[in-house]
C-alpha atoms as a PDB file:
ATOM      1  CA  UNK A   1     110.299 -82.657 -60.219  1.00  0.00           C
ATOM      2  CA  UNK A   2     110.953 -79.659 -58.293  1.00  0.00           C
ATOM      3  CA  UNK A   3     109.686 -76.358 -59.959  1.00  0.00           C
ATOM      4  CA  UNK A   4     111.656 -73.351 -58.156  1.00  0.00           C
ATOM      5  CA  UNK A   5     109.635 -70.410 -59.129  1.00  0.00           C
ATOM      6  CA  UNK A   6     111.994 -66.974 -59.220  1.00  0.00           C
ATOM      7  CA  UNK A   7     109.053 -65.193 -57.592  1.00  0.00           C
ATOM      8  CA  UNK A   8     109.554 -61.536 -59.599  1.00  0.00           C
ATOM      9  CA  UNK A   9     109.354 -60.369 -63.049  1.00  0.00           C
ATOM     10  CA  UNK A  10     112.519 -57.611 -62.497  1.00  0.00           C
ATOM     11  CA  UNK A  11     115.098 -58.602 -64.684  1.00  0.00           C
ATOM     12  CA  UNK A  12     118.191 -59.865 -63.668  1.00  0.00           C
ATOM     13  CA  UNK A  13     116.917 -59.682 -60.272  1.00  0.00           C
ATOM     14  CA  UNK A  14     118.364 -60.886 -56.944  1.00  0.00           C
ATOM     15  CA  UNK A  15     115.638 -63.334 -56.552  1.00  0.00           C
ATOM     16  CA  UNK A  16     116.527 -64.820 -59.853  1.00  0.00           C
ATOM     17  CA  UNK A  17     120.125 -65.507 -58.508  1.00  0.00           C
ATOM     18  CA  UNK A  18     118.656 -67.084 -55.201  1.00  0.00           C
ATOM     19  CA  UNK A  19     116.723 -69.605 -57.433  1.00  0.00           C
ATOM     20  CA  UNK A  20     120.057 -70.607 -59.451  1.00  0.00           C
ATOM     21  CA  UNK A  21     121.900 -70.906 -56.025  1.00  0.00           C
ATOM     22  CA  UNK A  22     119.112 -73.549 -55.047  1.00  0.00           C
ATOM     23  CA  UNK A  23     119.455 -74.928 -58.656  1.00  0.00           C
ATOM     24  CA  UNK A  24     122.774 -75.927 -58.414  1.00  0.00           C
ATOM     25  CA  UNK A  25     122.877 -77.058 -54.945  1.00  0.00           C
ATOM     26  CA  UNK A  26     120.082 -79.536 -56.138  1.00  0.00           C
ATOM     27  CA  UNK A  27     121.826 -80.575 -58.991  1.00  0.00           C
ATOM     28  CA  UNK A  28     124.661 -81.503 -56.628  1.00  0.00           C
ATOM     29  CA  UNK A  29     122.101 -83.512 -54.190  1.00  0.00           C
ATOM     30  CA  UNK A  30     121.145 -85.353 -57.938  1.00  0.00           C
ATOM     31  CA  UNK A  31     117.321 -83.825 -57.564  1.00  0.00           C
ATOM     32  CA  UNK A  32     115.504 -83.134 -60.688  1.00  0.00           C
ATOM     33  CA  UNK A  33     114.613 -79.486 -60.912  1.00  0.00           C
ATOM     34  CA  UNK A  34     114.121 -76.557 -63.367  1.00  0.00           C
ATOM     35  CA  UNK A  35     113.859 -72.852 -62.441  1.00  0.00           C
ATOM     36  CA  UNK A  36     110.820 -70.864 -63.589  1.00  0.00           C
ATOM     37  CA  UNK A  37     111.249 -66.796 -63.554  1.00  0.00           C
ATOM     38  CA  UNK A  38     108.286 -64.778 -63.738  1.00  0.00           C
ATOM     39  CA  UNK A  39     109.856 -62.449 -66.125  1.00  0.00           C
ATOM     40  CA  UNK A  40     109.388 -65.411 -68.787  1.00  0.00           C
ATOM     41  CA  UNK A  41     105.231 -64.832 -68.546  1.00  0.00           C
ATOM     42  CA  UNK A  42     103.703 -63.536 -71.496  1.00  0.00           C
ATOM     43  CA  UNK A  43     103.237 -59.635 -71.122  1.00  0.00           C
ATOM     44  CA  UNK A  44      99.551 -59.675 -71.815  1.00  0.00           C
ATOM     45  CA  UNK A  45      98.921 -61.762 -69.360  1.00  0.00           C
ATOM     46  CA  UNK A  46      96.505 -59.753 -67.223  1.00  0.00           C
ATOM     47  CA  UNK A  47      94.019 -59.872 -70.263  1.00  0.00           C
ATOM     48  CA  UNK A  48      94.853 -63.461 -71.549  1.00  0.00           C
ATOM     49  CA  UNK A  49      95.000 -65.857 -68.843  1.00  0.00           C
ATOM     50  CA  UNK A  50      92.580 -65.013 -66.001  1.00  0.00           C
ATOM     51  CA  UNK A  51      89.097 -66.518 -65.214  1.00  0.00           C
ATOM     52  CA  UNK A  52      89.724 -69.708 -66.945  1.00  0.00           C
ATOM     53  CA  UNK A  53      91.273 -67.942 -70.152  1.00  0.00           C
ATOM     54  CA  UNK A  54      94.643 -69.759 -71.633  1.00  0.00           C
ATOM     55  CA  UNK A  55      96.666 -68.204 -74.305  1.00  0.00           C
ATOM     56  CA  UNK A  56      99.143 -70.535 -76.160  1.00  0.00           C
ATOM     57  CA  UNK A  57     102.234 -68.282 -74.658  1.00  0.00           C
ATOM     58  CA  UNK A  58     100.968 -69.653 -70.938  1.00  0.00           C
ATOM     59  CA  UNK A  59     100.452 -73.086 -71.307  1.00  0.00           C
ATOM     60  CA  UNK A  60     104.028 -74.358 -71.743  1.00  0.00           C
ATOM     61  CA  UNK A  61     104.402 -72.653 -68.206  1.00  0.00           C
ATOM     62  CA  UNK A  62     100.827 -74.058 -67.317  1.00  0.00           C
ATOM     63  CA  UNK A  63     102.042 -77.761 -68.437  1.00  0.00           C
ATOM     64  CA  UNK A  64     105.700 -77.257 -65.876  1.00  0.00           C
ATOM     65  CA  UNK A  65     103.455 -76.196 -63.380  1.00  0.00           C
ATOM     66  CA  UNK A  66     101.181 -79.453 -63.548  1.00  0.00           C
ATOM     67  CA  UNK A  67     104.045 -81.649 -63.776  1.00  0.00           C
ATOM     68  CA  UNK A  68     105.602 -80.260 -60.871  1.00  0.00           C
ATOM     69  CA  UNK A  69     105.880 -82.431 -57.721  1.00  0.00           C
ATOM     70  CA  UNK A  70     107.039 -79.643 -55.492  1.00  0.00           C
ATOM     71  CA  UNK A  71     107.791 -76.237 -55.644  1.00  0.00           C
ATOM     72  CA  UNK A  72     110.471 -74.154 -54.072  1.00  0.00           C
ATOM     73  CA  UNK A  73     108.819 -70.053 -53.872  1.00  0.00           C
ATOM     74  CA  UNK A  74     111.142 -67.334 -53.975  1.00  0.00           C
ATOM     75  CA  UNK A  75     109.988 -64.416 -52.770  1.00  0.00           C
ATOM     76  CA  UNK A  76     111.246 -60.954 -52.801  1.00  0.00           C
ATOM     77  CA  UNK A  77     109.358 -58.656 -50.460  1.00  0.00           C
ATOM     78  CA  UNK A  78     107.461 -55.710 -51.978  1.00  0.00           C
ATOM     79  CA  UNK A  79     105.841 -53.464 -50.215  1.00  0.00           C
ATOM     80  CA  UNK A  80     105.743 -55.729 -47.242  1.00  0.00           C
ATOM     81  CA  UNK A  81     104.438 -58.503 -49.176  1.00  0.00           C
ATOM     82  CA  UNK A  82     105.031 -60.810 -52.225  1.00  0.00           C
ATOM     83  CA  UNK A  83     104.986 -59.239 -55.822  1.00  0.00           C
ATOM     84  CA  UNK A  84     101.918 -59.029 -57.559  1.00  0.00           C
ATOM     85  CA  UNK A  85     103.288 -60.672 -60.122  1.00  0.00           C
ATOM     86  CA  UNK A  86     103.537 -63.819 -58.315  1.00  0.00           C
ATOM     87  CA  UNK A  87     100.362 -63.499 -56.907  1.00  0.00           C
ATOM     88  CA  UNK A  88      98.580 -62.935 -60.658  1.00  0.00           C
ATOM     89  CA  UNK A  89     101.253 -66.400 -61.753  1.00  0.00           C
ATOM     90  CA  UNK A  90      99.507 -68.002 -58.885  1.00  0.00           C
ATOM     91  CA  UNK A  91      95.673 -66.719 -60.106  1.00  0.00           C
ATOM     92  CA  UNK A  92      96.608 -67.756 -63.862  1.00  0.00           C
ATOM     93  CA  UNK A  93      97.475 -71.058 -62.902  1.00  0.00           C
ATOM     94  CA  UNK A  94      94.865 -73.960 -63.700  1.00  0.00           C
ATOM     95  CA  UNK A  95      92.704 -74.062 -60.051  1.00  0.00           C
ATOM     96  CA  UNK A  96      93.156 -77.016 -58.656  1.00  0.00           C
ATOM     97  CA  UNK A  97      94.935 -78.838 -60.283  1.00  0.00           C
ATOM     98  CA  UNK A  98      97.758 -76.683 -60.155  1.00  0.00           C
ATOM     99  CA  UNK A  99      99.040 -76.780 -56.683  1.00  0.00           C
ATOM    100  CA  UNK A 100      96.471 -78.868 -54.419  1.00  0.00           C
ATOM    101  CA  UNK A 101      98.160 -81.243 -52.655  1.00  0.00           C
ATOM    102  CA  UNK A 102     101.344 -80.789 -53.366  1.00  0.00           C
ATOM    103  CA  UNK A 103     104.700 -79.590 -51.614  1.00  0.00           C
ATOM    104  CA  UNK A 104     106.208 -75.983 -51.352  1.00  0.00           C
ATOM    105  CA  UNK A 105     109.310 -74.651 -49.860  1.00  0.00           C
ATOM    106  CA  UNK A 106     109.160 -71.105 -48.836  1.00  0.00           C
ATOM    107  CA  UNK A 107     112.702 -68.772 -49.515  1.00  0.00           C
ATOM    108  CA  UNK A 108     112.164 -64.782 -48.679  1.00  0.00           C
ATOM    109  CA  UNK A 109     114.553 -62.188 -49.202  1.00  0.00           C
ATOM    110  CA  UNK A 110     114.893 -58.519 -49.472  1.00  0.00           C
ATOM    111  CA  UNK A 111     117.172 -55.609 -49.270  1.00  0.00           C
ATOM    112  CA  UNK A 112     115.944 -54.151 -45.596  1.00  0.00           C
ATOM    113  CA  UNK A 113     116.512 -55.954 -42.389  1.00  0.00           C
ATOM    114  CA  UNK A 114     113.698 -58.935 -42.263  1.00  0.00           C
ATOM    115  CA  UNK A 115     113.970 -61.017 -45.287  1.00  0.00           C
ATOM    116  CA  UNK A 116     110.290 -60.808 -46.175  1.00  0.00           C
ATOM    117  CA  UNK A 117     108.999 -62.504 -43.437  1.00  0.00           C
ATOM    118  CA  UNK A 118     105.597 -60.697 -43.661  1.00  0.00           C
ATOM    119  CA  UNK A 119     105.368 -61.411 -47.016  1.00  0.00           C
ATOM    120  CA  UNK A 120     106.383 -65.092 -46.583  1.00  0.00           C
ATOM    121  CA  UNK A 121     103.474 -64.790 -43.849  1.00  0.00           C
ATOM    122  CA  UNK A 122     101.026 -63.776 -46.512  1.00  0.00           C
ATOM    123  CA  UNK A 123     102.278 -66.818 -48.749  1.00  0.00           C
ATOM    124  CA  UNK A 124     102.317 -69.322 -46.693  1.00  0.00           C
ATOM    125  CA  UNK A 125      98.330 -68.422 -46.029  1.00  0.00           C
ATOM    126  CA  UNK A 126      97.920 -68.770 -50.023  1.00  0.00           C
ATOM    127  CA  UNK A 127      99.647 -71.873 -49.604  1.00  0.00           C
ATOM    128  CA  UNK A 128      97.200 -72.814 -47.534  1.00  0.00           C
ATOM    129  CA  UNK A 129      94.547 -72.291 -48.657  1.00  0.00           C
ATOM    130  CA  UNK A 130      95.084 -73.893 -52.179  1.00  0.00           C
ATOM    131  CA  UNK A 131      95.859 -77.546 -49.977  1.00  0.00           C
ATOM    132  CA  UNK A 132      99.708 -77.178 -50.369  1.00  0.00           C
ATOM    133  CA  UNK A 133     101.975 -78.937 -47.708  1.00  0.00           C
ATOM    134  CA  UNK A 134     104.286 -76.262 -46.619  1.00  0.00           C
ATOM    135  CA  UNK A 135     107.801 -77.059 -45.655  1.00  0.00           C
ATOM    136  CA  UNK A 136     108.172 -76.094 -42.229  1.00  0.00           C
ATOM    137  CA  UNK A 137     111.707 -74.751 -42.308  1.00  0.00           C
ATOM    138  CA  UNK A 138     111.199 -71.872 -44.262  1.00  0.00           C
ATOM    139  CA  UNK A 139     114.816 -69.468 -45.469  1.00  0.00           C
ATOM    140  CA  UNK A 140     114.585 -65.676 -44.950  1.00  0.00           C
ATOM    141  CA  UNK A 141     117.268 -64.143 -46.388  1.00  0.00           C
ATOM    142  CA  UNK A 142     117.613 -59.774 -45.173  1.00  0.00           C
ATOM    143  CA  UNK A 143     120.297 -57.579 -46.996  1.00  0.00           C
ATOM    144  CA  UNK A 144     120.311 -60.032 -49.380  1.00  0.00           C
ATOM    145  CA  UNK A 145     122.859 -57.658 -51.446  1.00  0.00           C
ATOM    146  CA  UNK A 146     125.144 -58.449 -48.629  1.00  0.00           C
ATOM    147  CA  UNK A 147     124.660 -62.215 -49.611  1.00  0.00           C
ATOM    148  CA  UNK A 148     126.003 -62.627 -53.275  1.00  0.00           C
ATOM    149  CA  UNK A 149     129.220 -62.567 -54.506  1.00  0.00           C
ATOM    150  CA  UNK A 150     130.348 -60.317 -57.583  1.00  0.00           C
ATOM    151  CA  UNK A 151     129.331 -63.597 -59.715  1.00  0.00           C
ATOM    152  CA  UNK A 152     125.767 -63.502 -58.146  1.00  0.00           C
ATOM    153  CA  UNK A 153     126.270 -66.671 -55.658  1.00  0.00           C
ATOM    154  CA  UNK A 154     125.831 -66.959 -52.302  1.00  0.00           C
ATOM    155  CA  UNK A 155     129.571 -66.919 -50.292  1.00  0.00           C
ATOM    156  CA  UNK A 156     128.504 -66.893 -46.422  1.00  0.00           C
ATOM    157  CA  UNK A 157     129.257 -70.267 -44.609  1.00  0.00           C
ATOM    158  CA  UNK A 158     126.236 -69.694 -42.337  1.00  0.00           C
ATOM    159  CA  UNK A 159     123.847 -68.954 -44.966  1.00  0.00           C
ATOM    160  CA  UNK A 160     124.914 -71.502 -47.076  1.00  0.00           C
ATOM    161  CA  UNK A 161     124.628 -74.301 -43.995  1.00  0.00           C
ATOM    162  CA  UNK A 162     121.391 -72.634 -43.145  1.00  0.00           C
ATOM    163  CA  UNK A 163     120.045 -73.589 -46.746  1.00  0.00           C
ATOM    164  CA  UNK A 164     121.832 -77.398 -47.678  1.00  0.00           C
ATOM    165  CA  UNK A 165     119.602 -77.915 -43.932  1.00  0.00           C
ATOM    166  CA  UNK A 166     116.727 -76.717 -45.784  1.00  0.00           C
ATOM    167  CA  UNK A 167     117.724 -78.867 -48.965  1.00  0.00           C
ATOM    168  CA  UNK A 168     118.250 -81.704 -47.019  1.00  0.00           C
ATOM    169  CA  UNK A 169     114.371 -81.534 -45.915  1.00  0.00           C
ATOM    170  CA  UNK A 170     113.416 -80.851 -49.149  1.00  0.00           C
ATOM    171  CA  UNK A 171     114.976 -84.174 -50.235  1.00  0.00           C
ATOM    172  CA  UNK A 172     113.554 -85.957 -47.366  1.00  0.00           C
ATOM    173  CA  UNK A 173     109.814 -84.051 -47.833  1.00  0.00           C
END
């Protein structure tokens, strides 16, 4: 099962809209997947789920992570990198079983012109440290507000072509 991580805790984010686009495209290919939005993280996660502690609120999240065979991290640009909530989420997951030797595809987005290129580089380093197998084809969505229509769906043909190419590689990965 592929777990799509919407990598911000911002409510109603464009990141979640992009994650839902990936979910729809994977469903069309009959690929089992689920979205985990970081907006669903426990509010007091800093106090309850770091350094080996595990709360009952985080346990179902941990189970989803442990059961996933592959991840798609959809990561917006926050201050030239990834959101702190995404790093916190990774740090709260049980080490090493959550991510070791699992596969991951990376998607960056930003309201600026580079689609979170630097943040995805940072996230790639984190994934390598966790011994994850990173899909070489990464997607960068600059000016993401121009990529989504009024229904929150991707509509530009060239963008959809690149994402579908990545999805085909995800399936073969």
